Amino acid sequence: MSKKLLAGPYLIWMIGFTIIPLALIVYYGLTDRSGAFTLENVLAIATAEHAKALWLSLGLSLAATLICLLLAYPLAMVLRSRGKGASGFMVFIFILPMWMNFLLRTLAWQTLLEKNGVINGILSALHLPTQSLINTWGAIILGMVYNFLPFMVLPIYNVLSKIDDNTINAARDLGADSFQTFLYVLLPLSVPGVISGITMVFVPALTTFVISSLLGGSKILLIGNVIEQEFTRGSNWNLGSGLSLVMMVFILISMALLAKYDKNGEGSTF
């Protein structure tokens, strides 16, 4: 009974800040302004404007996720080879920027990439032509990779660090070279961390609106920006909620993949 009482604050928190908000989103998404049931808010994702924003969001988030994976896996391998003491310090240095506010980190990149920013200032000082860096797809992908890369590195490193060295030594004793050891031993055993990292990067990258607003300006609208504008500028909670329900489908798919390939939570960083 005492343990159940200790869970009371957590249950209150979950009900008040998770279940009730989700229930409101479902209610508004499946009703019109008069409160009548409708599927128009959900089906609005098929309109030209919303479909374009969704496909663009999918493309940029997939690109950012792939780049994060290509950068994170070798880094996680290096961290594993350093041993627990050295790798722990390197992980600390790597996640240190995450202690800064997400918005401030993105604003820093805006200062670096803008027309009269730091990067173009350096190029001008070197008598090199300035570049149009801000308000581009590349700037948005760069912001996604910078902000979400730690969420890819940590799950992969967490799984790799649990692999017994004797397993690797056994593969080499049986004649496997470094590439074969990676392909047939390390990579299959690290799948839970890879799936966890992909989920933790893809979902926030798909739904982000802050990065695209600051680094993409008003020229590039992702589905997250469309939903945010429906709530804040258009005051159309019904349409915003309906589009949010569509995004929840992608979240549920990601959670299903995570549950399938990481049943024991090996890729979890918590």
C-alpha atoms as a PDB file:
ATOM      1  CA  MET A   1       0.000   0.000   0.000  1.00  0.00           C
ATOM      2  CA  SER A   2       2.860   2.380   0.814  1.00  0.00           C
ATOM      3  CA  LYS A   3       4.429   1.762  -2.605  1.00  0.00           C
ATOM      4  CA  LYS A   4       1.112   2.490  -4.292  1.00  0.00           C
ATOM      5  CA  LEU A   5       0.855   5.761  -2.373  1.00  0.00           C
ATOM      6  CA  LEU A   6       4.327   6.750  -3.571  1.00  0.00           C
ATOM      7  CA  ALA A   7       3.113   6.324  -7.140  1.00  0.00           C
ATOM      8  CA  GLY A   8       0.268   8.780  -6.516  1.00  0.00           C
ATOM      9  CA  PRO A   9       2.126  11.983  -7.510  1.00  0.00           C
ATOM     10  CA  TYR A  10       3.345  10.324 -10.702  1.00  0.00           C
ATOM     11  CA  LEU A  11      -0.179   9.207 -11.614  1.00  0.00           C
ATOM     12  CA  ILE A  12      -1.529  12.702 -10.981  1.00  0.00           C
ATOM     13  CA  TRP A  13       1.224  14.150 -13.168  1.00  0.00           C
ATOM     14  CA  MET A  14       0.560  11.671 -15.982  1.00  0.00           C
ATOM     15  CA  ILE A  15      -3.187  12.230 -15.880  1.00  0.00           C
ATOM     16  CA  GLY A  16      -2.930  16.017 -15.754  1.00  0.00           C
ATOM     17  CA  PHE A  17      -0.125  16.584 -18.253  1.00  0.00           C
ATOM     18  CA  THR A  18      -0.322  13.593 -20.589  1.00  0.00           C
ATOM     19  CA  ILE A  19      -3.693  11.831 -20.671  1.00  0.00           C
ATOM     20  CA  ILE A  20      -5.926  14.908 -20.447  1.00  0.00           C
ATOM     21  CA  PRO A  21      -3.998  16.903 -23.110  1.00  0.00           C
ATOM     22  CA  LEU A  22      -4.031  13.893 -25.454  1.00  0.00           C
ATOM     23  CA  ALA A  23      -7.750  13.450 -24.870  1.00  0.00           C
ATOM     24  CA  LEU A  24      -8.316  17.123 -25.741  1.00  0.00           C
ATOM     25  CA  ILE A  25      -6.298  16.755 -28.942  1.00  0.00           C
ATOM     26  CA  VAL A  26      -8.395  13.726 -29.946  1.00  0.00           C
ATOM     27  CA  TYR A  27     -11.615  15.574 -29.116  1.00  0.00           C
ATOM     28  CA  TYR A  28     -10.752  18.733 -31.041  1.00  0.00           C
ATOM     29  CA  GLY A  29      -9.273  16.751 -33.938  1.00  0.00           C
ATOM     30  CA  LEU A  30     -12.445  14.732 -34.466  1.00  0.00           C
ATOM     31  CA  THR A  31     -14.949  17.579 -34.072  1.00  0.00           C
ATOM     32  CA  ASP A  32     -15.690  20.866 -35.807  1.00  0.00           C
ATOM     33  CA  ARG A  33     -16.185  24.283 -34.225  1.00  0.00           C
ATOM     34  CA  SER A  34     -19.764  23.389 -33.328  1.00  0.00           C
ATOM     35  CA  GLY A  35     -18.681  20.188 -31.570  1.00  0.00           C
ATOM     36  CA  ALA A  36     -20.076  17.818 -34.202  1.00  0.00           C
ATOM     37  CA  PHE A  37     -18.075  14.734 -35.165  1.00  0.00           C
ATOM     38  CA  THR A  38     -16.063  15.066 -38.377  1.00  0.00           C
ATOM     39  CA  LEU A  39     -13.010  13.624 -40.098  1.00  0.00           C
ATOM     40  CA  GLU A  40     -12.330  16.741 -42.151  1.00  0.00           C
ATOM     41  CA  ASN A  41      -9.592  17.910 -39.785  1.00  0.00           C
ATOM     42  CA  VAL A  42      -7.671  14.660 -40.203  1.00  0.00           C
ATOM     43  CA  LEU A  43      -8.289  14.376 -43.949  1.00  0.00           C
ATOM     44  CA  ALA A  44      -7.030  17.953 -44.382  1.00  0.00           C
ATOM     45  CA  ILE A  45      -3.514  16.476 -44.424  1.00  0.00           C
ATOM     46  CA  ALA A  46      -4.256  15.468 -48.042  1.00  0.00           C
ATOM     47  CA  THR A  47      -4.635  19.073 -49.228  1.00  0.00           C
ATOM     48  CA  ALA A  48      -1.830  20.397 -51.424  1.00  0.00           C
ATOM     49  CA  GLU A  49      -0.424  22.792 -48.828  1.00  0.00           C
ATOM     50  CA  HIS A  50      -0.434  20.338 -45.937  1.00  0.00           C
ATOM     51  CA  ALA A  51       0.780  17.390 -48.022  1.00  0.00           C
ATOM     52  CA  LYS A  52       3.698  19.472 -49.312  1.00  0.00           C
ATOM     53  CA  ALA A  53       4.667  20.439 -45.761  1.00  0.00           C
ATOM     54  CA  LEU A  54       4.373  16.813 -44.602  1.00  0.00           C
ATOM     55  CA  TRP A  55       6.516  15.383 -47.419  1.00  0.00           C
ATOM     56  CA  LEU A  56       9.110  18.106 -46.922  1.00  0.00           C
ATOM     57  CA  SER A  57       9.187  17.338 -43.189  1.00  0.00           C
ATOM     58  CA  LEU A  58       9.597  13.632 -43.895  1.00  0.00           C
ATOM     59  CA  GLY A  59      12.414  14.264 -46.353  1.00  0.00           C
ATOM     60  CA  LEU A  60      14.370  16.630 -44.108  1.00  0.00           C
ATOM     61  CA  SER A  61      13.877  14.511 -40.984  1.00  0.00           C
ATOM     62  CA  LEU A  62      14.980  11.343 -42.814  1.00  0.00           C
ATOM     63  CA  ALA A  63      18.057  13.161 -44.149  1.00  0.00           C
ATOM     64  CA  ALA A  64      18.911  14.468 -40.683  1.00  0.00           C
ATOM     65  CA  THR A  65      18.393  11.015 -39.154  1.00  0.00           C
ATOM     66  CA  LEU A  66      20.656   9.369 -41.744  1.00  0.00           C
ATOM     67  CA  ILE A  67      23.395  11.963 -41.207  1.00  0.00           C
ATOM     68  CA  CYS A  68      23.131  11.537 -37.436  1.00  0.00           C
ATOM     69  CA  LEU A  69      23.453   7.757 -37.831  1.00  0.00           C
ATOM     70  CA  LEU A  70      26.500   8.041 -40.093  1.00  0.00           C
ATOM     71  CA  LEU A  71      28.166  10.399 -37.620  1.00  0.00           C
ATOM     72  CA  ALA A  72      27.029   8.716 -34.416  1.00  0.00           C
ATOM     73  CA  TYR A  73      27.999   5.089 -35.068  1.00  0.00           C
ATOM     74  CA  PRO A  74      31.733   5.714 -35.652  1.00  0.00           C
ATOM     75  CA  LEU A  75      31.760   8.100 -32.690  1.00  0.00           C
ATOM     76  CA  ALA A  76      30.091   5.492 -30.480  1.00  0.00           C
ATOM     77  CA  MET A  77      32.698   2.940 -31.623  1.00  0.00           C
ATOM     78  CA  VAL A  78      35.487   5.339 -30.669  1.00  0.00           C
ATOM     79  CA  LEU A  79      33.909   5.967 -27.274  1.00  0.00           C
ATOM     80  CA  ARG A  80      33.638   2.233 -26.654  1.00  0.00           C
ATOM     81  CA  SER A  81      37.295   1.653 -27.516  1.00  0.00           C
ATOM     82  CA  ARG A  82      38.429   4.336 -25.045  1.00  0.00           C
ATOM     83  CA  GLY A  83      37.326   2.438 -21.974  1.00  0.00           C
ATOM     84  CA  LYS A  84      34.849   3.479 -19.317  1.00  0.00           C
ATOM     85  CA  GLY A  85      36.936   6.208 -17.692  1.00  0.00           C
ATOM     86  CA  ALA A  86      37.975   8.123 -20.803  1.00  0.00           C
ATOM     87  CA  SER A  87      34.692   7.500 -22.623  1.00  0.00           C
ATOM     88  CA  GLY A  88      32.696   8.777 -19.655  1.00  0.00           C
ATOM     89  CA  PHE A  89      34.530  12.094 -19.792  1.00  0.00           C
ATOM     90  CA  MET A  90      34.129  12.295 -23.575  1.00  0.00           C
ATOM     91  CA  VAL A  91      30.400  11.604 -23.296  1.00  0.00           C
ATOM     92  CA  PHE A  92      30.146  14.344 -20.680  1.00  0.00           C
ATOM     93  CA  ILE A  93      31.876  16.818 -23.008  1.00  0.00           C
ATOM     94  CA  PHE A  94      29.666  15.703 -25.869  1.00  0.00           C
ATOM     95  CA  ILE A  95      26.370  16.224 -24.013  1.00  0.00           C
ATOM     96  CA  LEU A  96      27.519  19.428 -22.290  1.00  0.00           C
ATOM     97  CA  PRO A  97      25.894  21.690 -24.932  1.00  0.00           C
ATOM     98  CA  MET A  98      22.585  19.971 -24.209  1.00  0.00           C
ATOM     99  CA  TRP A  99      22.560  21.685 -20.839  1.00  0.00           C
ATOM    100  CA  MET A 100      21.981  24.936 -22.695  1.00  0.00           C
ATOM    101  CA  ASN A 101      18.443  25.845 -23.670  1.00  0.00           C
ATOM    102  CA  PHE A 102      17.329  24.333 -26.991  1.00  0.00           C
ATOM    103  CA  LEU A 103      16.157  27.715 -28.267  1.00  0.00           C
ATOM    104  CA  LEU A 104      19.463  29.405 -27.429  1.00  0.00           C
ATOM    105  CA  ARG A 105      21.448  26.721 -29.239  1.00  0.00           C
ATOM    106  CA  THR A 106      19.337  27.216 -32.358  1.00  0.00           C
ATOM    107  CA  LEU A 107      19.630  31.006 -32.111  1.00  0.00           C
ATOM    108  CA  ALA A 108      23.406  30.594 -31.974  1.00  0.00           C
ATOM    109  CA  TRP A 109      23.317  28.846 -35.346  1.00  0.00           C
ATOM    110  CA  GLN A 110      21.122  31.620 -36.689  1.00  0.00           C
ATOM    111  CA  THR A 111      23.829  34.099 -35.692  1.00  0.00           C
ATOM    112  CA  LEU A 112      26.470  31.975 -37.394  1.00  0.00           C
ATOM    113  CA  LEU A 113      24.551  31.402 -40.638  1.00  0.00           C
ATOM    114  CA  GLU A 114      22.782  34.691 -41.278  1.00  0.00           C
ATOM    115  CA  LYS A 115      23.804  36.989 -44.143  1.00  0.00           C
ATOM    116  CA  ASN A 116      25.934  39.227 -41.942  1.00  0.00           C
ATOM    117  CA  GLY A 117      26.773  36.429 -39.522  1.00  0.00           C
ATOM    118  CA  VAL A 118      30.037  35.040 -38.241  1.00  0.00           C
ATOM    119  CA  ILE A 119      30.699  32.610 -41.111  1.00  0.00           C
ATOM    120  CA  ASN A 120      30.129  35.174 -43.851  1.00  0.00           C
ATOM    121  CA  GLY A 121      32.135  37.666 -41.838  1.00  0.00           C
ATOM    122  CA  ILE A 122      35.112  35.312 -41.868  1.00  0.00           C
ATOM    123  CA  LEU A 123      34.673  34.684 -45.600  1.00  0.00           C
ATOM    124  CA  SER A 124      34.605  38.424 -46.246  1.00  0.00           C
ATOM    125  CA  ALA A 125      37.754  38.936 -44.171  1.00  0.00           C
ATOM    126  CA  LEU A 126      39.489  36.297 -46.301  1.00  0.00           C
ATOM    127  CA  HIS A 127      38.232  38.037 -49.476  1.00  0.00           C
ATOM    128  CA  LEU A 128      36.092  35.037 -50.363  1.00  0.00           C
ATOM    129  CA  PRO A 129      32.535  35.244 -51.724  1.00  0.00           C
ATOM    130  CA  THR A 130      29.825  35.130 -49.067  1.00  0.00           C
ATOM    131  CA  GLN A 131      27.312  32.308 -49.074  1.00  0.00           C
ATOM    132  CA  SER A 132      23.543  32.190 -48.701  1.00  0.00           C
ATOM    133  CA  LEU A 133      23.354  29.849 -45.711  1.00  0.00           C
ATOM    134  CA  ILE A 134      20.281  30.889 -43.765  1.00  0.00           C
ATOM    135  CA  ASN A 135      16.693  30.117 -44.855  1.00  0.00           C
ATOM    136  CA  THR A 136      17.712  26.971 -46.743  1.00  0.00           C
ATOM    137  CA  TRP A 137      17.038  23.258 -46.420  1.00  0.00           C
ATOM    138  CA  GLY A 138      20.679  22.758 -45.524  1.00  0.00           C
ATOM    139  CA  ALA A 139      20.420  25.149 -42.587  1.00  0.00           C
ATOM    140  CA  ILE A 140      17.398  23.275 -41.216  1.00  0.00           C
ATOM    141  CA  ILE A 141      19.126  19.894 -41.569  1.00  0.00           C
ATOM    142  CA  LEU A 142      22.233  21.329 -39.899  1.00  0.00           C
ATOM    143  CA  GLY A 143      20.130  22.556 -36.984  1.00  0.00           C
ATOM    144  CA  MET A 144      18.431  19.167 -36.657  1.00  0.00           C
ATOM    145  CA  VAL A 145      21.722  17.267 -36.727  1.00  0.00           C
ATOM    146  CA  TYR A 146      23.343  19.584 -34.199  1.00  0.00           C
ATOM    147  CA  ASN A 147      20.451  19.435 -31.748  1.00  0.00           C
ATOM    148  CA  PHE A 148      19.555  15.753 -32.074  1.00  0.00           C
ATOM    149  CA  LEU A 149      22.926  14.068 -32.666  1.00  0.00           C
ATOM    150  CA  PRO A 150      23.440  13.233 -28.949  1.00  0.00           C
ATOM    151  CA  PHE A 151      20.153  11.305 -28.996  1.00  0.00           C
ATOM    152  CA  MET A 152      21.658   9.046 -31.646  1.00  0.00           C
ATOM    153  CA  VAL A 153      25.098   8.664 -30.087  1.00  0.00           C
ATOM    154  CA  LEU A 154      24.044   7.775 -26.558  1.00  0.00           C
ATOM    155  CA  PRO A 155      21.740   4.788 -27.335  1.00  0.00           C
ATOM    156  CA  ILE A 156      24.279   3.266 -29.729  1.00  0.00           C
ATOM    157  CA  TYR A 157      27.124   3.776 -27.285  1.00  0.00           C
ATOM    158  CA  ASN A 158      25.011   2.358 -24.468  1.00  0.00           C
ATOM    159  CA  VAL A 159      24.484  -0.886 -26.425  1.00  0.00           C
ATOM    160  CA  LEU A 160      28.056  -1.155 -27.703  1.00  0.00           C
ATOM    161  CA  SER A 161      29.475  -0.671 -24.214  1.00  0.00           C
ATOM    162  CA  LYS A 162      27.491  -3.721 -23.016  1.00  0.00           C
ATOM    163  CA  ILE A 163      29.014  -6.061 -25.609  1.00  0.00           C
ATOM    164  CA  ASP A 164      31.518  -8.358 -23.912  1.00  0.00           C
ATOM    165  CA  ASP A 165      35.056  -8.121 -25.281  1.00  0.00           C
ATOM    166  CA  ASN A 166      35.224 -11.903 -25.158  1.00  0.00           C
ATOM    167  CA  THR A 167      32.530 -12.039 -27.848  1.00  0.00           C
ATOM    168  CA  ILE A 168      34.685  -9.953 -30.172  1.00  0.00           C
ATOM    169  CA  ASN A 169      37.811 -11.923 -29.296  1.00  0.00           C
ATOM    170  CA  ALA A 170      35.976 -15.182 -30.021  1.00  0.00           C
ATOM    171  CA  ALA A 171      35.002 -13.931 -33.479  1.00  0.00           C
ATOM    172  CA  ARG A 172      38.599 -13.018 -34.244  1.00  0.00           C
ATOM    173  CA  ASP A 173      39.871 -16.344 -32.914  1.00  0.00           C
ATOM    174  CA  LEU A 174      37.533 -18.020 -35.397  1.00  0.00           C
ATOM    175  CA  GLY A 175      39.191 -16.146 -38.261  1.00  0.00           C
ATOM    176  CA  ALA A 176      36.963 -13.095 -38.668  1.00  0.00           C
ATOM    177  CA  ASP A 177      38.735  -9.897 -39.701  1.00  0.00           C
ATOM    178  CA  SER A 178      37.765  -6.435 -38.441  1.00  0.00           C
ATOM    179  CA  PHE A 179      35.125  -5.885 -41.106  1.00  0.00           C
ATOM    180  CA  GLN A 180      33.560  -9.311 -40.591  1.00  0.00           C
ATOM    181  CA  THR A 181      33.570  -8.813 -36.828  1.00  0.00           C
ATOM    182  CA  PHE A 182      31.747  -5.531 -37.281  1.00  0.00           C
ATOM    183  CA  LEU A 183      29.301  -6.889 -39.863  1.00  0.00           C
ATOM    184  CA  TYR A 184      28.383 -10.166 -38.132  1.00  0.00           C
ATOM    185  CA  VAL A 185      28.927  -9.362 -34.447  1.00  0.00           C
ATOM    186  CA  LEU A 186      28.898  -5.685 -33.523  1.00  0.00           C
ATOM    187  CA  LEU A 187      26.268  -4.469 -35.970  1.00  0.00           C
ATOM    188  CA  PRO A 188      23.620  -7.147 -35.186  1.00  0.00           C
ATOM    189  CA  LEU A 189      24.146  -6.736 -31.446  1.00  0.00           C
ATOM    190  CA  SER A 190      23.832  -2.954 -31.717  1.00  0.00           C
ATOM    191  CA  VAL A 191      20.512  -2.997 -33.598  1.00  0.00           C
ATOM    192  CA  PRO A 192      18.477  -2.071 -30.460  1.00  0.00           C
ATOM    193  CA  GLY A 193      20.610   1.032 -29.961  1.00  0.00           C
ATOM    194  CA  VAL A 194      20.378   1.963 -33.631  1.00  0.00           C
ATOM    195  CA  ILE A 195      16.578   1.622 -33.670  1.00  0.00           C
ATOM    196  CA  SER A 196      16.316   3.581 -30.427  1.00  0.00           C
ATOM    197  CA  GLY A 197      18.555   6.334 -31.797  1.00  0.00           C
ATOM    198  CA  ILE A 198      16.646   6.529 -35.073  1.00  0.00           C
ATOM    199  CA  THR A 199      13.380   6.863 -33.164  1.00  0.00           C
ATOM    200  CA  MET A 200      14.738   9.508 -30.802  1.00  0.00           C
ATOM    201  CA  VAL A 201      16.024  11.597 -33.721  1.00  0.00           C
ATOM    202  CA  PHE A 202      13.358  11.057 -36.365  1.00  0.00           C
ATOM    203  CA  VAL A 203      10.315  11.847 -34.211  1.00  0.00           C
ATOM    204  CA  PRO A 204      11.459  15.250 -32.870  1.00  0.00           C
ATOM    205  CA  ALA A 205      12.966  16.156 -36.256  1.00  0.00           C
ATOM    206  CA  LEU A 206       9.653  15.375 -37.969  1.00  0.00           C
ATOM    207  CA  THR A 207       7.577  17.453 -35.548  1.00  0.00           C
ATOM    208  CA  THR A 208       9.946  20.369 -34.942  1.00  0.00           C
ATOM    209  CA  PHE A 209       8.896  23.912 -35.748  1.00  0.00           C
ATOM    210  CA  VAL A 210      11.445  25.993 -33.827  1.00  0.00           C
ATOM    211  CA  ILE A 211      14.426  24.947 -35.960  1.00  0.00           C
ATOM    212  CA  SER A 212      12.594  25.526 -39.237  1.00  0.00           C
ATOM    213  CA  SER A 213      11.243  28.881 -38.005  1.00  0.00           C
ATOM    214  CA  LEU A 214      14.641  30.234 -36.980  1.00  0.00           C
ATOM    215  CA  LEU A 215      16.876  28.672 -39.639  1.00  0.00           C
ATOM    216  CA  GLY A 216      14.357  28.353 -42.463  1.00  0.00           C
ATOM    217  CA  GLY A 217      12.481  31.597 -41.962  1.00  0.00           C
ATOM    218  CA  SER A 218       9.075  32.033 -43.527  1.00  0.00           C
ATOM    219  CA  LYS A 219      10.293  30.547 -46.806  1.00  0.00           C
ATOM    220  CA  ILE A 220      10.237  26.906 -45.658  1.00  0.00           C
ATOM    221  CA  LEU A 221       7.214  25.583 -43.786  1.00  0.00           C
ATOM    222  CA  LEU A 222       7.296  22.132 -42.258  1.00  0.00           C
ATOM    223  CA  ILE A 223       4.242  20.327 -40.949  1.00  0.00           C
ATOM    224  CA  GLY A 224       5.223  21.373 -37.423  1.00  0.00           C
ATOM    225  CA  ASN A 225       5.076  25.037 -38.474  1.00  0.00           C
ATOM    226  CA  VAL A 226       1.651  24.514 -40.056  1.00  0.00           C
ATOM    227  CA  ILE A 227       0.275  22.954 -36.871  1.00  0.00           C
ATOM    228  CA  GLU A 228       1.852  25.641 -34.685  1.00  0.00           C
ATOM    229  CA  GLN A 229       0.333  28.401 -36.822  1.00  0.00           C
ATOM    230  CA  GLU A 230      -3.115  26.808 -36.698  1.00  0.00           C
ATOM    231  CA  PHE A 231      -3.010  26.921 -32.902  1.00  0.00           C
ATOM    232  CA  THR A 232      -1.386  30.330 -32.408  1.00  0.00           C
ATOM    233  CA  ARG A 233      -2.235  32.515 -35.413  1.00  0.00           C
ATOM    234  CA  GLY A 234      -5.329  30.936 -36.906  1.00  0.00           C
ATOM    235  CA  SER A 235      -6.865  29.922 -33.549  1.00  0.00           C
ATOM    236  CA  ASN A 236      -8.158  26.830 -35.335  1.00  0.00           C
ATOM    237  CA  TRP A 237      -7.616  24.209 -32.655  1.00  0.00           C
ATOM    238  CA  ASN A 238      -9.743  21.685 -34.521  1.00  0.00           C
ATOM    239  CA  LEU A 239      -7.597  21.680 -37.657  1.00  0.00           C
ATOM    240  CA  GLY A 240      -4.380  21.851 -35.651  1.00  0.00           C
ATOM    241  CA  SER A 241      -5.477  18.903 -33.545  1.00  0.00           C
ATOM    242  CA  GLY A 242      -6.523  16.912 -36.617  1.00  0.00           C
ATOM    243  CA  LEU A 243      -3.104  17.389 -38.209  1.00  0.00           C
ATOM    244  CA  SER A 244      -1.502  16.477 -34.879  1.00  0.00           C
ATOM    245  CA  LEU A 245      -3.388  13.178 -34.890  1.00  0.00           C
ATOM    246  CA  VAL A 246      -1.787  12.374 -38.240  1.00  0.00           C
ATOM    247  CA  MET A 247       1.632  13.050 -36.753  1.00  0.00           C
ATOM    248  CA  MET A 248       0.802  10.747 -33.854  1.00  0.00           C
ATOM    249  CA  VAL A 249       0.532   7.912 -36.379  1.00  0.00           C
ATOM    250  CA  PHE A 250       4.236   8.297 -37.175  1.00  0.00           C
ATOM    251  CA  ILE A 251       5.036   8.391 -33.464  1.00  0.00           C
ATOM    252  CA  LEU A 252       3.074   5.184 -32.866  1.00  0.00           C
ATOM    253  CA  ILE A 253       4.870   3.481 -35.765  1.00  0.00           C
ATOM    254  CA  SER A 254       8.220   4.500 -34.284  1.00  0.00           C
ATOM    255  CA  MET A 255       7.184   3.206 -30.867  1.00  0.00           C
ATOM    256  CA  ALA A 256       6.092  -0.104 -32.423  1.00  0.00           C
ATOM    257  CA  LEU A 257       9.469  -0.519 -34.141  1.00  0.00           C
ATOM    258  CA  LEU A 258      11.246   0.309 -30.902  1.00  0.00           C
ATOM    259  CA  ALA A 259       9.158  -2.209 -28.989  1.00  0.00           C
ATOM    260  CA  LYS A 260       9.909  -4.884 -31.598  1.00  0.00           C
ATOM    261  CA  TYR A 261      13.682  -4.448 -31.886  1.00  0.00           C
ATOM    262  CA  ASP A 262      14.481  -3.196 -28.380  1.00  0.00           C
ATOM    263  CA  LYS A 263      12.242  -5.314 -26.189  1.00  0.00           C
ATOM    264  CA  ASN A 264      14.588  -5.194 -23.197  1.00  0.00           C
ATOM    265  CA  GLY A 265      15.293  -1.472 -23.395  1.00  0.00           C
ATOM    266  CA  GLU A 266      18.965  -2.030 -24.149  1.00  0.00           C
ATOM    267  CA  GLY A 267      19.145   1.092 -26.262  1.00  0.00           C
ATOM    268  CA  SER A 268      17.629   3.295 -23.596  1.00  0.00           C
ATOM    269  CA  THR A 269      19.870   6.068 -22.309  1.00  0.00           C
ATOM    270  CA  PHE A 270      17.933   6.456 -19.057  1.00  0.00           C
END
